[in-house]
Amino acid sequence: MGPKTEQLICVLDQLAVVLESDGATHWSQWMRKARAHLLNADYYGVEYLLSAYGGMGSFNDLILGQSSVDGVFAWKPGYIELNEKFDSLRGEAATLANAIKRAQD
C-alpha cells in the first residue's frame, strides 16, 4: 500500500466521523465502504469513492449542518466550521483518489 493510499484511508475515516456527527449515514457508510476496500488492497475502493462525486444529489452537493425545527429550515450551531472542515476533507479525498487513479492508468 502506497503513501497516498494510506493518506486516503485516514481522510476517509475522518470524513466518516464528520458525516456521522451530522447524521449523514448514507454518505458515512459510503466512505467506510471505500475505506474497507482500500484496507484490503482493493483498488475498487478508489473507483467506488470517485463514483460519489458528480451529478445531481452527489457527494459534491452535500451541505452539512441543516435541520428543520417545527417544519422550518434552520442551521445547526457551528455549521460554518463543520462545512469548512467537511469541504476540506471532501476535496482532499478527491485529490488523493484521482492521484491514485492516475498512477494506476
PDB file of N, CA and C in Angstrom:
ATOM      1  N   MET A   1       0.850  -1.179   0.000  1.00  0.00           N
ATOM      2  CA  MET A   1       0.000   0.000   0.000  1.00  0.00           C
ATOM      3  C   MET A   1       0.893   1.238   0.000  1.00  0.00           C
ATOM      4  N   GLY A   2       0.608   2.128  -0.917  1.00  0.00           N
ATOM      5  CA  GLY A   2       1.423   3.328  -1.050  1.00  0.00           C
ATOM      6  C   GLY A   2       1.022   4.418  -0.064  1.00  0.00           C
ATOM      7  N   PRO A   3       1.863   5.455   0.026  1.00  0.00           N
ATOM      8  CA  PRO A   3       1.586   6.537   0.975  1.00  0.00           C
ATOM      9  C   PRO A   3       0.302   7.314   0.661  1.00  0.00           C
ATOM     10  N   LYS A   4      -0.020   7.481  -0.610  1.00  0.00           N
ATOM     11  CA  LYS A   4      -1.258   8.197  -0.954  1.00  0.00           C
ATOM     12  C   LYS A   4      -2.485   7.377  -0.533  1.00  0.00           C
ATOM     13  N   THR A   5      -2.395   6.076  -0.684  1.00  0.00           N
ATOM     14  CA  THR A   5      -3.497   5.214  -0.256  1.00  0.00           C
ATOM     15  C   THR A   5      -3.655   5.271   1.257  1.00  0.00           C
ATOM     16  N   GLU A   6      -2.549   5.265   1.970  1.00  0.00           N
ATOM     17  CA  GLU A   6      -2.605   5.380   3.431  1.00  0.00           C
ATOM     18  C   GLU A   6      -3.228   6.715   3.846  1.00  0.00           C
ATOM     19  N   GLN A   7      -2.838   7.774   3.162  1.00  0.00           N
ATOM     20  CA  GLN A   7      -3.424   9.098   3.441  1.00  0.00           C
ATOM     21  C   GLN A   7      -4.922   9.088   3.169  1.00  0.00           C
ATOM     22  N   LEU A   8      -5.299   8.486   2.045  1.00  0.00           N
ATOM     23  CA  LEU A   8      -6.710   8.447   1.672  1.00  0.00           C
ATOM     24  C   LEU A   8      -7.522   7.673   2.706  1.00  0.00           C
ATOM     25  N   ILE A   9      -7.007   6.581   3.193  1.00  0.00           N
ATOM     26  CA  ILE A   9      -7.697   5.801   4.223  1.00  0.00           C
ATOM     27  C   ILE A   9      -7.933   6.660   5.460  1.00  0.00           C
ATOM     28  N   CYS A  10      -6.931   7.420   5.846  1.00  0.00           N
ATOM     29  CA  CYS A  10      -7.050   8.308   7.001  1.00  0.00           C
ATOM     30  C   CYS A  10      -8.106   9.382   6.754  1.00  0.00           C
ATOM     31  N   VAL A  11      -8.099   9.985   5.583  1.00  0.00           N
ATOM     32  CA  VAL A  11      -9.075  11.024   5.246  1.00  0.00           C
ATOM     33  C   VAL A  11     -10.491  10.442   5.213  1.00  0.00           C
ATOM     34  N   LEU A  12     -10.634   9.246   4.666  1.00  0.00           N
ATOM     35  CA  LEU A  12     -11.957   8.622   4.616  1.00  0.00           C
ATOM     36  C   LEU A  12     -12.491   8.347   6.018  1.00  0.00           C
ATOM     37  N   ASP A  13     -11.597   7.963   6.918  1.00  0.00           N
ATOM     38  CA  ASP A  13     -12.002   7.740   8.302  1.00  0.00           C
ATOM     39  C   ASP A  13     -12.493   9.049   8.925  1.00  0.00           C
ATOM     40  N   GLN A  14     -11.764  10.125   8.691  1.00  0.00           N
ATOM     41  CA  GLN A  14     -12.161  11.438   9.216  1.00  0.00           C
ATOM     42  C   GLN A  14     -13.486  11.901   8.600  1.00  0.00           C
ATOM     43  N   LEU A  15     -13.626  11.680   7.305  1.00  0.00           N
ATOM     44  CA  LEU A  15     -14.874  12.047   6.627  1.00  0.00           C
ATOM     45  C   LEU A  15     -16.058  11.304   7.235  1.00  0.00           C
ATOM     46  N   ALA A  16     -15.901  10.010   7.458  1.00  0.00           N
ATOM     47  CA  ALA A  16     -16.987   9.208   8.024  1.00  0.00           C
ATOM     48  C   ALA A  16     -17.405   9.754   9.385  1.00  0.00           C
ATOM     49  N   VAL A  17     -16.433  10.138  10.196  1.00  0.00           N
ATOM     50  CA  VAL A  17     -16.739  10.679  11.529  1.00  0.00           C
ATOM     51  C   VAL A  17     -17.495  12.002  11.415  1.00  0.00           C
ATOM     52  N   VAL A  18     -17.040  12.883  10.539  1.00  0.00           N
ATOM     53  CA  VAL A  18     -17.714  14.172  10.347  1.00  0.00           C
ATOM     54  C   VAL A  18     -19.139  13.958   9.837  1.00  0.00           C
ATOM     55  N   LEU A  19     -19.301  13.071   8.892  1.00  0.00           N
ATOM     56  CA  LEU A  19     -20.626  12.794   8.340  1.00  0.00           C
ATOM     57  C   LEU A  19     -21.554  12.205   9.404  1.00  0.00           C
ATOM     58  N   GLU A  20     -21.037  11.275  10.185  1.00  0.00           N
ATOM     59  CA  GLU A  20     -21.842  10.673  11.252  1.00  0.00           C
ATOM     60  C   GLU A  20     -22.253  11.712  12.287  1.00  0.00           C
ATOM     61  N   SER A  21     -21.370  12.677  12.552  1.00  0.00           N
ATOM     62  CA  SER A  21     -21.679  13.703  13.558  1.00  0.00           C
ATOM     63  C   SER A  21     -22.877  14.551  13.149  1.00  0.00           C
ATOM     64  N   ASP A  22     -23.171  14.575  11.851  1.00  0.00           N
ATOM     65  CA  ASP A  22     -24.307  15.362  11.351  1.00  0.00           C
ATOM     66  C   ASP A  22     -25.477  14.473  10.928  1.00  0.00           C
ATOM     67  N   GLY A  23     -25.346  13.176  11.144  1.00  0.00           N
ATOM     68  CA  GLY A  23     -26.434  12.265  10.797  1.00  0.00           C
ATOM     69  C   GLY A  23     -26.498  11.873   9.336  1.00  0.00           C
ATOM     70  N   ALA A  24     -25.437  12.122   8.582  1.00  0.00           N
ATOM     71  CA  ALA A  24     -25.402  11.779   7.155  1.00  0.00           C
ATOM     72  C   ALA A  24     -24.927  10.328   7.008  1.00  0.00           C
ATOM     73  N   THR A  25     -25.773   9.400   7.435  1.00  0.00           N
ATOM     74  CA  THR A  25     -25.367   7.990   7.487  1.00  0.00           C
ATOM     75  C   THR A  25     -25.124   7.383   6.102  1.00  0.00           C
ATOM     76  N   HIS A  26     -25.911   7.782   5.118  1.00  0.00           N
ATOM     77  CA  HIS A  26     -25.705   7.235   3.764  1.00  0.00           C
ATOM     78  C   HIS A  26     -24.283   7.495   3.291  1.00  0.00           C
ATOM     79  N   TRP A  27     -23.847   8.745   3.397  1.00  0.00           N
ATOM     80  CA  TRP A  27     -22.511   9.095   2.911  1.00  0.00           C
ATOM     81  C   TRP A  27     -21.418   8.572   3.838  1.00  0.00           C
ATOM     82  N   SER A  28     -21.700   8.493   5.109  1.00  0.00           N
ATOM     83  CA  SER A  28     -20.733   7.924   6.042  1.00  0.00           C
ATOM     84  C   SER A  28     -20.466   6.457   5.689  1.00  0.00           C
ATOM     85  N   GLN A  29     -21.520   5.717   5.427  1.00  0.00           N
ATOM     86  CA  GLN A  29     -21.363   4.312   5.037  1.00  0.00           C
ATOM     87  C   GLN A  29     -20.609   4.187   3.713  1.00  0.00           C
ATOM     88  N   TRP A  30     -20.849   5.121   2.809  1.00  0.00           N
ATOM     89  CA  TRP A  30     -20.156   5.117   1.518  1.00  0.00           C
ATOM     90  C   TRP A  30     -18.646   5.255   1.736  1.00  0.00           C
ATOM     91  N   MET A  31     -18.259   6.193   2.604  1.00  0.00           N
ATOM     92  CA  MET A  31     -16.831   6.416   2.888  1.00  0.00           C
ATOM     93  C   MET A  31     -16.217   5.209   3.585  1.00  0.00           C
ATOM     94  N   ARG A  32     -16.963   4.603   4.488  1.00  0.00           N
ATOM     95  CA  ARG A  32     -16.456   3.431   5.205  1.00  0.00           C
ATOM     96  C   ARG A  32     -16.303   2.232   4.265  1.00  0.00           C
ATOM     97  N   LYS A  33     -17.205   2.105   3.298  1.00  0.00           N
ATOM     98  CA  LYS A  33     -17.098   1.009   2.335  1.00  0.00           C
ATOM     99  C   LYS A  33     -15.871   1.207   1.436  1.00  0.00           C
ATOM    100  N   ALA A  34     -15.656   2.427   0.959  1.00  0.00           N
ATOM    101  CA  ALA A  34     -14.471   2.719   0.141  1.00  0.00           C
ATOM    102  C   ALA A  34     -13.210   2.438   0.945  1.00  0.00           C
ATOM    103  N   ARG A  35     -13.197   2.868   2.209  1.00  0.00           N
ATOM    104  CA  ARG A  35     -12.059   2.650   3.103  1.00  0.00           C
ATOM    105  C   ARG A  35     -11.787   1.166   3.296  1.00  0.00           C
ATOM    106  N   ALA A  36     -12.837   0.384   3.498  1.00  0.00           N
ATOM    107  CA  ALA A  36     -12.677  -1.060   3.705  1.00  0.00           C
ATOM    108  C   ALA A  36     -12.028  -1.718   2.488  1.00  0.00           C
ATOM    109  N   HIS A  37     -12.452  -1.315   1.296  1.00  0.00           N
ATOM    110  CA  HIS A  37     -11.836  -1.865   0.074  1.00  0.00           C
ATOM    111  C   HIS A  37     -10.348  -1.520   0.031  1.00  0.00           C
ATOM    112  N   LEU A  38     -10.029  -0.278   0.332  1.00  0.00           N
ATOM    113  CA  LEU A  38      -8.622   0.144   0.292  1.00  0.00           C
ATOM    114  C   LEU A  38      -7.789  -0.581   1.345  1.00  0.00           C
ATOM    115  N   LEU A  39      -8.346  -0.796   2.516  1.00  0.00           N
ATOM    116  CA  LEU A  39      -7.624  -1.535   3.565  1.00  0.00           C
ATOM    117  C   LEU A  39      -7.320  -2.961   3.131  1.00  0.00           C
ATOM    118  N   ASN A  40      -8.167  -3.512   2.253  1.00  0.00           N
ATOM    119  CA  ASN A  40      -7.954  -4.858   1.710  1.00  0.00           C
ATOM    120  C   ASN A  40      -7.140  -4.834   0.421  1.00  0.00           C
ATOM    121  N   ALA A  41      -6.481  -3.699   0.166  1.00  0.00           N
ATOM    122  CA  ALA A  41      -5.664  -3.524  -1.047  1.00  0.00           C
ATOM    123  C   ALA A  41      -6.483  -3.739  -2.317  1.00  0.00           C
ATOM    124  N   ASP A  42      -7.747  -3.359  -2.266  1.00  0.00           N
ATOM    125  CA  ASP A  42      -8.659  -3.487  -3.395  1.00  0.00           C
ATOM    126  C   ASP A  42      -8.826  -2.114  -4.047  1.00  0.00           C
ATOM    127  N   TYR A  43      -8.288  -1.974  -5.237  1.00  0.00           N
ATOM    128  CA  TYR A  43      -8.337  -0.706  -5.969  1.00  0.00           C
ATOM    129  C   TYR A  43      -9.773  -0.233  -6.207  1.00  0.00           C
ATOM    130  N   TYR A  44     -10.737  -1.135  -6.171  1.00  0.00           N
ATOM    131  CA  TYR A  44     -12.134  -0.756  -6.369  1.00  0.00           C
ATOM    132  C   TYR A  44     -12.548   0.341  -5.388  1.00  0.00           C
ATOM    133  N   GLY A  45     -11.903   0.422  -4.249  1.00  0.00           N
ATOM    134  CA  GLY A  45     -12.211   1.473  -3.284  1.00  0.00           C
ATOM    135  C   GLY A  45     -12.047   2.862  -3.871  1.00  0.00           C
ATOM    136  N   VAL A  46     -11.046   3.039  -4.726  1.00  0.00           N
ATOM    137  CA  VAL A  46     -10.821   4.331  -5.388  1.00  0.00           C
ATOM    138  C   VAL A  46     -11.957   4.616  -6.368  1.00  0.00           C
ATOM    139  N   GLU A  47     -12.287   3.623  -7.188  1.00  0.00           N
ATOM    140  CA  GLU A  47     -13.365   3.801  -8.161  1.00  0.00           C
ATOM    141  C   GLU A  47     -14.701   4.061  -7.458  1.00  0.00           C
ATOM    142  N   TYR A  48     -14.945   3.316  -6.395  1.00  0.00           N
ATOM    143  CA  TYR A  48     -16.183   3.471  -5.646  1.00  0.00           C
ATOM    144  C   TYR A  48     -16.267   4.867  -5.045  1.00  0.00           C
ATOM    145  N   LEU A  49     -15.193   5.329  -4.446  1.00  0.00           N
ATOM    146  CA  LEU A  49     -15.172   6.669  -3.874  1.00  0.00           C
ATOM    147  C   LEU A  49     -15.443   7.713  -4.940  1.00  0.00           C
ATOM    148  N   LEU A  50     -14.727   7.653  -6.044  1.00  0.00           N
ATOM    149  CA  LEU A  50     -14.877   8.658  -7.094  1.00  0.00           C
ATOM    150  C   LEU A  50     -16.277   8.657  -7.711  1.00  0.00           C
ATOM    151  N   SER A  51     -16.964   7.512  -7.648  1.00  0.00           N
ATOM    152  CA  SER A  51     -18.324   7.463  -8.200  1.00  0.00           C
ATOM    153  C   SER A  51     -19.309   8.280  -7.363  1.00  0.00           C
ATOM    154  N   ALA A  52     -18.910   8.679  -6.154  1.00  0.00           N
ATOM    155  CA  ALA A  52     -19.772   9.501  -5.298  1.00  0.00           C
ATOM    156  C   ALA A  52     -19.802  10.951  -5.762  1.00  0.00           C
ATOM    157  N   TYR A  53     -18.786  11.355  -6.511  1.00  0.00           N
ATOM    158  CA  TYR A  53     -18.643  12.751  -6.940  1.00  0.00           C
ATOM    159  C   TYR A  53     -19.306  12.952  -8.299  1.00  0.00           C
ATOM    160  N   GLY A  54     -20.008  14.065  -8.453  1.00  0.00           N
ATOM    161  CA  GLY A  54     -20.563  14.423  -9.756  1.00  0.00           C
ATOM    162  C   GLY A  54     -22.015  14.032  -9.905  1.00  0.00           C
ATOM    163  N   GLY A  55     -22.758  14.876 -10.599  1.00  0.00           N
ATOM    164  CA  GLY A  55     -24.172  14.624 -10.837  1.00  0.00           C
ATOM    165  C   GLY A  55     -25.036  15.206  -9.731  1.00  0.00           C
ATOM    166  N   MET A  56     -26.319  15.302 -10.027  1.00  0.00           N
ATOM    167  CA  MET A  56     -27.260  15.862  -9.047  1.00  0.00           C
ATOM    168  C   MET A  56     -27.391  14.935  -7.856  1.00  0.00           C
ATOM    169  N   GLY A  57     -27.412  15.522  -6.670  1.00  0.00           N
ATOM    170  CA  GLY A  57     -27.568  14.745  -5.452  1.00  0.00           C
ATOM    171  C   GLY A  57     -26.322  13.981  -5.051  1.00  0.00           C
ATOM    172  N   SER A  58     -25.202  14.347  -5.642  1.00  0.00           N
ATOM    173  CA  SER A  58     -23.953  13.635  -5.370  1.00  0.00           C
ATOM    174  C   SER A  58     -23.284  14.168  -4.109  1.00  0.00           C
ATOM    175  N   PHE A  59     -22.192  13.552  -3.772  1.00  0.00           N
ATOM    176  CA  PHE A  59     -21.393  13.936  -2.612  1.00  0.00           C
ATOM    177  C   PHE A  59     -20.953  15.394  -2.725  1.00  0.00           C
ATOM    178  N   ASN A  60     -20.743  15.875  -3.956  1.00  0.00           N
ATOM    179  CA  ASN A  60     -20.363  17.276  -4.175  1.00  0.00           C
ATOM    180  C   ASN A  60     -21.433  18.243  -3.685  1.00  0.00           C
ATOM    181  N   ASP A  61     -22.685  17.826  -3.738  1.00  0.00           N
ATOM    182  CA  ASP A  61     -23.808  18.704  -3.407  1.00  0.00           C
ATOM    183  C   ASP A  61     -24.127  18.765  -1.913  1.00  0.00           C
ATOM    184  N   LEU A  62     -23.535  17.872  -1.153  1.00  0.00           N
ATOM    185  CA  LEU A  62     -23.891  17.759   0.255  1.00  0.00           C
ATOM    186  C   LEU A  62     -23.443  18.971   1.067  1.00  0.00           C
ATOM    187  N   ILE A  63     -24.358  19.488   1.867  1.00  0.00           N
ATOM    188  CA  ILE A  63     -24.082  20.573   2.804  1.00  0.00           C
ATOM    189  C   ILE A  63     -24.532  20.089   4.173  1.00  0.00           C
ATOM    190  N   LEU A  64     -23.648  20.161   5.140  1.00  0.00           N
ATOM    191  CA  LEU A  64     -23.957  19.692   6.484  1.00  0.00           C
ATOM    192  C   LEU A  64     -24.499  20.831   7.348  1.00  0.00           C
ATOM    193  N   GLY A  65     -25.051  20.461   8.493  1.00  0.00           N
ATOM    194  CA  GLY A  65     -25.493  21.453   9.459  1.00  0.00           C
ATOM    195  C   GLY A  65     -26.880  22.008   9.228  1.00  0.00           C
ATOM    196  N   GLN A  66     -27.670  21.333   8.418  1.00  0.00           N
ATOM    197  CA  GLN A  66     -29.033  21.794   8.157  1.00  0.00           C
ATOM    198  C   GLN A  66     -30.014  21.005   9.019  1.00  0.00           C
ATOM    199  N   SER A  67     -31.069  21.665   9.437  1.00  0.00           N
ATOM    200  CA  SER A  67     -32.099  20.967  10.198  1.00  0.00           C
ATOM    201  C   SER A  67     -33.447  21.615   9.942  1.00  0.00           C
ATOM    202  N   SER A  68     -34.452  21.019  10.525  1.00  0.00           N
ATOM    203  CA  SER A  68     -35.808  21.550  10.431  1.00  0.00           C
ATOM    204  C   SER A  68     -36.370  21.602  11.847  1.00  0.00           C
ATOM    205  N   VAL A  69     -36.810  22.782  12.244  1.00  0.00           N
ATOM    206  CA  VAL A  69     -37.410  22.968  13.561  1.00  0.00           C
ATOM    207  C   VAL A  69     -38.872  23.353  13.347  1.00  0.00           C
ATOM    208  N   ASP A  70     -39.757  22.477  13.748  1.00  0.00           N
ATOM    209  CA  ASP A  70     -41.195  22.702  13.534  1.00  0.00           C
ATOM    210  C   ASP A  70     -41.504  22.986  12.064  1.00  0.00           C
ATOM    211  N   GLY A  71     -40.826  22.244  11.179  1.00  0.00           N
ATOM    212  CA  GLY A  71     -41.071  22.392   9.753  1.00  0.00           C
ATOM    213  C   GLY A  71     -40.406  23.596   9.113  1.00  0.00           C
ATOM    214  N   VAL A  72     -39.578  24.305   9.871  1.00  0.00           N
ATOM    215  CA  VAL A  72     -38.905  25.498   9.356  1.00  0.00           C
ATOM    216  C   VAL A  72     -37.404  25.209   9.266  1.00  0.00           C
ATOM    217  N   PHE A  73     -36.821  25.538   8.128  1.00  0.00           N
ATOM    218  CA  PHE A  73     -35.386  25.333   7.921  1.00  0.00           C
ATOM    219  C   PHE A  73     -34.587  26.113   8.954  1.00  0.00           C
ATOM    220  N   ALA A  74     -33.528  25.480   9.451  1.00  0.00           N
ATOM    221  CA  ALA A  74     -32.629  26.145  10.407  1.00  0.00           C
ATOM    222  C   ALA A  74     -31.225  25.584  10.247  1.00  0.00           C
ATOM    223  N   TRP A  75     -30.245  26.397  10.553  1.00  0.00           N
ATOM    224  CA  TRP A  75     -28.864  25.955  10.568  1.00  0.00           C
ATOM    225  C   TRP A  75     -28.512  25.521  11.985  1.00  0.00           C
ATOM    226  N   LYS A  76     -27.754  24.447  12.096  1.00  0.00           N
ATOM    227  CA  LYS A  76     -27.288  23.985  13.401  1.00  0.00           C
ATOM    228  C   LYS A  76     -26.137  24.884  13.851  1.00  0.00           C
ATOM    229  N   PRO A  77     -25.960  25.032  15.155  1.00  0.00           N
ATOM    230  CA  PRO A  77     -24.818  25.821  15.647  1.00  0.00           C
ATOM    231  C   PRO A  77     -23.498  25.221  15.139  1.00  0.00           C
ATOM    232  N   GLY A  78     -22.586  26.078  14.722  1.00  0.00           N
ATOM    233  CA  GLY A  78     -21.282  25.632  14.245  1.00  0.00           C
ATOM    234  C   GLY A  78     -21.266  25.099  12.827  1.00  0.00           C
ATOM    235  N   TYR A  79     -22.338  25.362  12.075  1.00  0.00           N
ATOM    236  CA  TYR A  79     -22.430  24.808  10.722  1.00  0.00           C
ATOM    237  C   TYR A  79     -21.349  25.332   9.780  1.00  0.00           C
ATOM    238  N   ILE A  80     -20.900  26.547   9.972  1.00  0.00           N
ATOM    239  CA  ILE A  80     -19.870  27.097   9.080  1.00  0.00           C
ATOM    240  C   ILE A  80     -18.564  26.320   9.245  1.00  0.00           C
ATOM    241  N   GLU A  81     -18.131  26.161  10.481  1.00  0.00           N
ATOM    242  CA  GLU A  81     -16.888  25.427  10.751  1.00  0.00           C
ATOM    243  C   GLU A  81     -17.014  23.974  10.314  1.00  0.00           C
ATOM    244  N   LEU A  82     -18.180  23.380  10.561  1.00  0.00           N
ATOM    245  CA  LEU A  82     -18.424  21.996  10.163  1.00  0.00           C
ATOM    246  C   LEU A  82     -18.265  21.837   8.658  1.00  0.00           C
ATOM    247  N   ASN A  83     -18.874  22.754   7.891  1.00  0.00           N
ATOM    248  CA  ASN A  83     -18.798  22.657   6.433  1.00  0.00           C
ATOM    249  C   ASN A  83     -17.412  22.981   5.901  1.00  0.00           C
ATOM    250  N   GLU A  84     -16.688  23.865   6.561  1.00  0.00           N
ATOM    251  CA  GLU A  84     -15.306  24.136   6.134  1.00  0.00           C
ATOM    252  C   GLU A  84     -14.443  22.897   6.305  1.00  0.00           C
ATOM    253  N   LYS A  85     -14.585  22.235   7.440  1.00  0.00           N
ATOM    254  CA  LYS A  85     -13.819  21.003   7.679  1.00  0.00           C
ATOM    255  C   LYS A  85     -14.231  19.927   6.687  1.00  0.00           C
ATOM    256  N   PHE A  86     -15.541  19.759   6.523  1.00  0.00           N
ATOM    257  CA  PHE A  86     -16.063  18.761   5.603  1.00  0.00           C
ATOM    258  C   PHE A  86     -15.593  19.006   4.179  1.00  0.00           C
ATOM    259  N   ASP A  87     -15.677  20.246   3.725  1.00  0.00           N
ATOM    260  CA  ASP A  87     -15.279  20.567   2.360  1.00  0.00           C
ATOM    261  C   ASP A  87     -13.788  20.318   2.140  1.00  0.00           C
ATOM    262  N   SER A  88     -12.989  20.622   3.136  1.00  0.00           N
ATOM    263  CA  SER A  88     -11.551  20.373   3.040  1.00  0.00           C
ATOM    264  C   SER A  88     -11.264  18.880   2.913  1.00  0.00           C
ATOM    265  N   LEU A  89     -11.906  18.075   3.755  1.00  0.00           N
ATOM    266  CA  LEU A  89     -11.713  16.615   3.697  1.00  0.00           C
ATOM    267  C   LEU A  89     -12.247  16.034   2.392  1.00  0.00           C
ATOM    268  N   ARG A  90     -13.405  16.511   1.962  1.00  0.00           N
ATOM    269  CA  ARG A  90     -14.003  16.028   0.710  1.00  0.00           C
ATOM    270  C   ARG A  90     -13.071  16.306  -0.469  1.00  0.00           C
ATOM    271  N   GLY A  91     -12.495  17.513  -0.507  1.00  0.00           N
ATOM    272  CA  GLY A  91     -11.561  17.863  -1.574  1.00  0.00           C
ATOM    273  C   GLY A  91     -10.277  17.058  -1.503  1.00  0.00           C
ATOM    274  N   GLU A  92      -9.765  16.862  -0.298  1.00  0.00           N
ATOM    275  CA  GLU A  92      -8.537  16.081  -0.129  1.00  0.00           C
ATOM    276  C   GLU A  92      -8.748  14.634  -0.565  1.00  0.00           C
ATOM    277  N   ALA A  93      -9.902  14.069  -0.237  1.00  0.00           N
ATOM    278  CA  ALA A  93     -10.203  12.690  -0.647  1.00  0.00           C
ATOM    279  C   ALA A  93     -10.240  12.581  -2.171  1.00  0.00           C
ATOM    280  N   ALA A  94     -10.870  13.527  -2.827  1.00  0.00           N
ATOM    281  CA  ALA A  94     -10.950  13.504  -4.292  1.00  0.00           C
ATOM    282  C   ALA A  94      -9.568  13.657  -4.915  1.00  0.00           C
ATOM    283  N   THR A  95      -8.777  14.565  -4.384  1.00  0.00           N
ATOM    284  CA  THR A  95      -7.429  14.784  -4.911  1.00  0.00           C
ATOM    285  C   THR A  95      -6.578  13.524  -4.785  1.00  0.00           C
ATOM    286  N   LEU A  96      -6.609  12.901  -3.611  1.00  0.00           N
ATOM    287  CA  LEU A  96      -5.827  11.681  -3.396  1.00  0.00           C
ATOM    288  C   LEU A  96      -6.327  10.546  -4.284  1.00  0.00           C
ATOM    289  N   ALA A  97      -7.637  10.365  -4.353  1.00  0.00           N
ATOM    290  CA  ALA A  97      -8.198   9.285  -5.170  1.00  0.00           C
ATOM    291  C   ALA A  97      -7.849   9.479  -6.638  1.00  0.00           C
ATOM    292  N   ASN A  98      -7.924  10.704  -7.129  1.00  0.00           N
ATOM    293  CA  ASN A  98      -7.569  10.965  -8.531  1.00  0.00           C
ATOM    294  C   ASN A  98      -6.080  10.738  -8.779  1.00  0.00           C
ATOM    295  N   ALA A  99      -5.240  11.075  -7.824  1.00  0.00           N
ATOM    296  CA  ALA A  99      -3.799  10.826  -7.970  1.00  0.00           C
ATOM    297  C   ALA A  99      -3.516   9.331  -8.015  1.00  0.00           C
ATOM    298  N   ILE A 100      -4.181   8.571  -7.173  1.00  0.00           N
ATOM    299  CA  ILE A 100      -4.005   7.110  -7.174  1.00  0.00           C
ATOM    300  C   ILE A 100      -4.504   6.537  -8.491  1.00  0.00           C
ATOM    301  N   LYS A 101      -5.626   7.026  -8.968  1.00  0.00           N
ATOM    302  CA  LYS A 101      -6.178   6.553 -10.237  1.00  0.00           C
ATOM    303  C   LYS A 101      -5.226   6.833 -11.394  1.00  0.00           C
ATOM    304  N   ARG A 102      -4.667   8.042 -11.428  1.00  0.00           N
ATOM    305  CA  ARG A 102      -3.712   8.382 -12.497  1.00  0.00           C
ATOM    306  C   ARG A 102      -2.484   7.473 -12.465  1.00  0.00           C
ATOM    307  N   ALA A 103      -2.042   7.138 -11.279  1.00  0.00           N
ATOM    308  CA  ALA A 103      -0.876   6.262 -11.136  1.00  0.00           C
ATOM    309  C   ALA A 103      -1.179   4.852 -11.613  1.00  0.00           C
ATOM    310  N   GLN A 104      -2.430   4.446 -11.553  1.00  0.00           N
ATOM    311  CA  GLN A 104      -2.842   3.109 -11.989  1.00  0.00           C
ATOM    312  C   GLN A 104      -3.036   3.017 -13.503  1.00  0.00           C
ATOM    313  N   ASP A 105      -3.377   4.148 -14.117  1.00  0.00           N
ATOM    314  CA  ASP A 105      -3.669   4.151 -15.565  1.00  0.00           C
ATOM    315  C   ASP A 105      -2.409   4.044 -16.403  1.00  0.00           C
TER     316      ASP A 105
END
